[in-house]
Amino acid sequence: MLDIAETRTSVAVLLSWVLFVVTLVPGGFLGYLLRRNGVWIGVGLWVVSLLLPFPTAELAAISHRGFTGLATGTILGYLGLIWRQRQASE
């Protein structure tokens, strides 16, 4: 019985990291295209993910890490936009 619980937890951790990496790309586009509004949207979704109730800890970890990837991507996309604008102005 303990083996099943450990396997379920390890699969949830693996899936949550995959979701984190996958959501970085759309988050980056969101931050790049929408500028500061995209950052606010990404961070707002991340805060909402902290407040949502989930039936299991595994589902909560997967959801939260996905929203964290999206928020991180929006911030990185916005920073990329700022960097590009500075390069263009020089």
N, C-alpha and C. Protein backbone atom coordinates (compact mmCIF):
# COMPACT_ATOMS: atom_id res chain seq x y z
N MET A 1 0.82 -1.19 0.00
CA MET A 1 0.00 0.00 0.00
C MET A 1 0.86 1.25 0.00
N LEU A 2 1.96 1.23 0.71
CA LEU A 2 2.84 2.36 0.78
C LEU A 2 3.53 2.61 -0.57
N ASP A 3 3.79 1.56 -1.31
CA ASP A 3 4.42 1.70 -2.62
C ASP A 3 3.52 2.45 -3.60
N ILE A 4 2.24 2.21 -3.53
CA ILE A 4 1.30 2.89 -4.42
C ILE A 4 1.27 4.39 -4.11
N ALA A 5 1.27 4.73 -2.84
CA ALA A 5 1.24 6.15 -2.45
C ALA A 5 2.54 6.84 -2.87
N GLU A 6 3.67 6.17 -2.71
CA GLU A 6 4.95 6.77 -3.12
C GLU A 6 5.01 6.94 -4.63
N THR A 7 4.50 5.97 -5.37
CA THR A 7 4.49 6.06 -6.83
C THR A 7 3.58 7.20 -7.28
N ARG A 8 2.43 7.31 -6.66
CA ARG A 8 1.50 8.38 -7.01
C ARG A 8 2.12 9.75 -6.75
N THR A 9 2.80 9.89 -5.65
CA THR A 9 3.45 11.16 -5.32
C THR A 9 4.58 11.47 -6.29
N SER A 10 5.38 10.48 -6.63
CA SER A 10 6.50 10.73 -7.55
C SER A 10 6.00 11.05 -8.96
N VAL A 11 4.92 10.41 -9.39
CA VAL A 11 4.34 10.74 -10.70
C VAL A 11 3.77 12.15 -10.69
N ALA A 12 3.15 12.54 -9.59
CA ALA A 12 2.60 13.90 -9.49
C ALA A 12 3.71 14.94 -9.53
N VAL A 13 4.82 14.66 -8.87
CA VAL A 13 5.95 15.60 -8.89
C VAL A 13 6.52 15.70 -10.30
N LEU A 14 6.67 14.58 -10.97
CA LEU A 14 7.19 14.58 -12.34
C LEU A 14 6.25 15.34 -13.28
N LEU A 15 4.95 15.09 -13.19
CA LEU A 15 3.99 15.80 -14.03
C LEU A 15 3.97 17.29 -13.73
N SER A 16 4.11 17.66 -12.47
CA SER A 16 4.08 19.08 -12.14
C SER A 16 5.30 19.80 -12.73
N TRP A 17 6.47 19.16 -12.74
CA TRP A 17 7.64 19.79 -13.36
C TRP A 17 7.52 19.88 -14.87
N VAL A 18 6.93 18.85 -15.48
CA VAL A 18 6.69 18.90 -16.93
C VAL A 18 5.74 20.04 -17.25
N LEU A 19 4.69 20.19 -16.47
CA LEU A 19 3.74 21.27 -16.69
C LEU A 19 4.40 22.63 -16.48
N PHE A 20 5.30 22.74 -15.51
CA PHE A 20 6.02 23.99 -15.28
C PHE A 20 6.81 24.38 -16.53
N VAL A 21 7.53 23.43 -17.10
CA VAL A 21 8.35 23.72 -18.28
C VAL A 21 7.47 24.05 -19.48
N VAL A 22 6.38 23.33 -19.64
CA VAL A 22 5.49 23.55 -20.79
C VAL A 22 4.82 24.92 -20.71
N THR A 23 4.48 25.39 -19.52
CA THR A 23 3.78 26.67 -19.41
C THR A 23 4.71 27.87 -19.45
N LEU A 24 6.02 27.65 -19.42
CA LEU A 24 6.94 28.77 -19.55
C LEU A 24 6.81 29.48 -20.90
N VAL A 25 6.61 28.70 -21.97
CA VAL A 25 6.55 29.28 -23.32
C VAL A 25 5.32 30.16 -23.51
N PRO A 26 4.10 29.66 -23.24
CA PRO A 26 2.96 30.57 -23.40
C PRO A 26 3.01 31.75 -22.43
N GLY A 27 3.56 31.53 -21.25
CA GLY A 27 3.70 32.64 -20.31
C GLY A 27 4.66 33.68 -20.84
N GLY A 28 5.73 33.25 -21.50
CA GLY A 28 6.67 34.19 -22.09
C GLY A 28 6.03 35.02 -23.19
N PHE A 29 5.22 34.38 -24.03
CA PHE A 29 4.51 35.13 -25.07
C PHE A 29 3.52 36.11 -24.45
N LEU A 30 2.86 35.68 -23.39
CA LEU A 30 1.89 36.54 -22.72
C LEU A 30 2.59 37.77 -22.15
N GLY A 31 3.71 37.58 -21.49
CA GLY A 31 4.45 38.71 -20.93
C GLY A 31 5.04 39.61 -22.00
N TYR A 32 5.46 39.02 -23.12
CA TYR A 32 6.06 39.80 -24.20
C TYR A 32 5.01 40.63 -24.93
N LEU A 33 3.87 40.02 -25.21
CA LEU A 33 2.84 40.71 -25.98
C LEU A 33 2.01 41.70 -25.15
N LEU A 34 1.68 41.32 -23.93
CA LEU A 34 0.80 42.17 -23.13
C LEU A 34 1.55 43.09 -22.18
N ARG A 35 2.86 43.00 -22.17
CA ARG A 35 3.72 43.84 -21.34
C ARG A 35 3.36 43.74 -19.86
N ARG A 36 3.18 44.83 -19.19
CA ARG A 36 2.91 44.77 -17.75
C ARG A 36 1.58 44.11 -17.44
N ASN A 37 0.60 44.27 -18.32
CA ASN A 37 -0.68 43.61 -18.09
C ASN A 37 -0.53 42.10 -18.08
N GLY A 38 0.34 41.59 -18.93
CA GLY A 38 0.60 40.15 -18.94
C GLY A 38 1.23 39.68 -17.66
N VAL A 39 2.12 40.49 -17.10
CA VAL A 39 2.74 40.14 -15.82
C VAL A 39 1.69 40.10 -14.73
N TRP A 40 0.81 41.09 -14.72
CA TRP A 40 -0.25 41.11 -13.70
C TRP A 40 -1.18 39.91 -13.86
N ILE A 41 -1.50 39.54 -15.09
CA ILE A 41 -2.36 38.38 -15.33
C ILE A 41 -1.67 37.11 -14.83
N GLY A 42 -0.41 36.94 -15.16
CA GLY A 42 0.32 35.75 -14.74
C GLY A 42 0.43 35.64 -13.23
N VAL A 43 0.77 36.74 -12.57
CA VAL A 43 0.90 36.73 -11.11
C VAL A 43 -0.47 36.55 -10.46
N GLY A 44 -1.48 37.15 -11.04
CA GLY A 44 -2.83 36.97 -10.51
C GLY A 44 -3.30 35.53 -10.60
N LEU A 45 -3.00 34.86 -11.71
CA LEU A 45 -3.35 33.44 -11.82
C LEU A 45 -2.58 32.61 -10.80
N TRP A 46 -1.33 32.98 -10.56
CA TRP A 46 -0.54 32.26 -9.57
C TRP A 46 -1.15 32.39 -8.18
N VAL A 47 -1.59 33.60 -7.83
CA VAL A 47 -2.22 33.82 -6.52
C VAL A 47 -3.52 33.04 -6.43
N VAL A 48 -4.29 33.02 -7.50
CA VAL A 48 -5.55 32.26 -7.51
C VAL A 48 -5.26 30.78 -7.31
N SER A 49 -4.16 30.28 -7.90
CA SER A 49 -3.84 28.87 -7.73
C SER A 49 -3.53 28.51 -6.28
N LEU A 50 -3.05 29.50 -5.52
CA LEU A 50 -2.82 29.25 -4.10
C LEU A 50 -4.12 29.15 -3.31
N LEU A 51 -5.15 29.83 -3.79
CA LEU A 51 -6.41 29.90 -3.06
C LEU A 51 -7.40 28.81 -3.45
N LEU A 52 -7.18 28.16 -4.60
CA LEU A 52 -8.13 27.13 -5.04
C LEU A 52 -8.03 25.88 -4.17
N PRO A 53 -9.19 25.36 -3.77
CA PRO A 53 -9.16 24.10 -3.00
C PRO A 53 -9.06 22.90 -3.95
N PHE A 54 -8.24 21.95 -3.62
CA PHE A 54 -8.10 20.74 -4.41
C PHE A 54 -8.34 19.53 -3.52
N PRO A 55 -8.89 18.46 -4.09
CA PRO A 55 -9.20 17.29 -3.26
C PRO A 55 -7.95 16.54 -2.76
N THR A 56 -6.85 16.63 -3.49
CA THR A 56 -5.64 15.94 -3.05
C THR A 56 -4.44 16.88 -3.13
N ALA A 57 -3.43 16.56 -2.38
CA ALA A 57 -2.21 17.38 -2.39
C ALA A 57 -1.49 17.26 -3.72
N GLU A 58 -1.61 16.11 -4.38
CA GLU A 58 -0.95 15.93 -5.67
C GLU A 58 -1.54 16.85 -6.73
N LEU A 59 -2.86 16.93 -6.78
CA LEU A 59 -3.51 17.83 -7.75
C LEU A 59 -3.17 19.29 -7.45
N ALA A 60 -3.09 19.63 -6.20
CA ALA A 60 -2.73 21.00 -5.84
C ALA A 60 -1.31 21.32 -6.29
N ALA A 61 -0.39 20.38 -6.11
CA ALA A 61 1.00 20.61 -6.52
C ALA A 61 1.12 20.76 -8.03
N ILE A 62 0.40 19.92 -8.77
CA ILE A 62 0.44 20.01 -10.23
C ILE A 62 -0.12 21.34 -10.71
N SER A 63 -1.26 21.74 -10.18
CA SER A 63 -1.89 22.98 -10.60
C SER A 63 -1.03 24.18 -10.22
N HIS A 64 -0.54 24.18 -9.00
CA HIS A 64 0.25 25.33 -8.54
C HIS A 64 1.55 25.45 -9.34
N ARG A 65 2.20 24.36 -9.65
CA ARG A 65 3.44 24.45 -10.41
C ARG A 65 3.16 24.89 -11.85
N GLY A 66 2.02 24.51 -12.41
CA GLY A 66 1.66 24.99 -13.74
C GLY A 66 1.44 26.49 -13.76
N PHE A 67 0.71 27.00 -12.78
CA PHE A 67 0.50 28.44 -12.70
C PHE A 67 1.80 29.18 -12.39
N THR A 68 2.67 28.56 -11.61
CA THR A 68 3.96 29.17 -11.32
C THR A 68 4.79 29.28 -12.59
N GLY A 69 4.74 28.25 -13.44
CA GLY A 69 5.44 28.31 -14.72
C GLY A 69 4.89 29.42 -15.60
N LEU A 70 3.59 29.58 -15.61
CA LEU A 70 2.98 30.64 -16.41
C LEU A 70 3.39 32.02 -15.89
N ALA A 71 3.36 32.20 -14.58
CA ALA A 71 3.75 33.50 -14.00
C ALA A 71 5.23 33.77 -14.24
N THR A 72 6.07 32.76 -14.09
CA THR A 72 7.51 32.93 -14.35
C THR A 72 7.75 33.27 -15.81
N GLY A 73 7.04 32.62 -16.70
CA GLY A 73 7.17 32.91 -18.13
C GLY A 73 6.76 34.32 -18.47
N THR A 74 5.69 34.82 -17.86
CA THR A 74 5.27 36.20 -18.16
C THR A 74 6.33 37.20 -17.70
N ILE A 75 6.91 36.95 -16.54
CA ILE A 75 7.95 37.87 -16.05
C ILE A 75 9.18 37.80 -16.95
N LEU A 76 9.58 36.60 -17.35
CA LEU A 76 10.73 36.47 -18.24
C LEU A 76 10.46 37.09 -19.61
N GLY A 77 9.23 36.93 -20.12
CA GLY A 77 8.87 37.54 -21.39
C GLY A 77 8.89 39.05 -21.32
N TYR A 78 8.41 39.60 -20.23
CA TYR A 78 8.44 41.06 -20.05
C TYR A 78 9.87 41.56 -19.92
N LEU A 79 10.72 40.84 -19.18
CA LEU A 79 12.12 41.23 -19.08
C LEU A 79 12.82 41.13 -20.44
N GLY A 80 12.44 40.14 -21.24
CA GLY A 80 12.99 40.04 -22.59
C GLY A 80 12.58 41.22 -23.45
N LEU A 81 11.35 41.67 -23.30
CA LEU A 81 10.87 42.84 -24.03
C LEU A 81 11.66 44.09 -23.63
N ILE A 82 11.87 44.28 -22.33
CA ILE A 82 12.64 45.44 -21.87
C ILE A 82 14.06 45.38 -22.42
N TRP A 83 14.67 44.20 -22.38
CA TRP A 83 16.04 44.04 -22.89
C TRP A 83 16.11 44.36 -24.38
N ARG A 84 15.11 43.89 -25.14
CA ARG A 84 15.10 44.17 -26.58
C ARG A 84 14.93 45.65 -26.86
N GLN A 85 14.07 46.31 -26.10
CA GLN A 85 13.87 47.75 -26.30
C GLN A 85 15.14 48.54 -25.96
N ARG A 86 15.87 48.11 -24.97
CA ARG A 86 17.14 48.79 -24.65
C ARG A 86 18.17 48.56 -25.74
N GLN A 87 18.21 47.37 -26.29
CA GLN A 87 19.14 47.08 -27.38
C GLN A 87 18.79 47.90 -28.62
N ALA A 88 17.52 48.09 -28.87
CA ALA A 88 17.10 48.84 -30.06
C ALA A 88 17.38 50.33 -29.89
N SER A 89 17.32 50.83 -28.68
CA SER A 89 17.54 52.27 -28.47
C SER A 89 19.02 52.65 -28.50
N GLU A 90 19.90 51.67 -28.34
CA GLU A 90 21.36 51.98 -28.33
C GLU A 90 21.92 52.11 -29.69
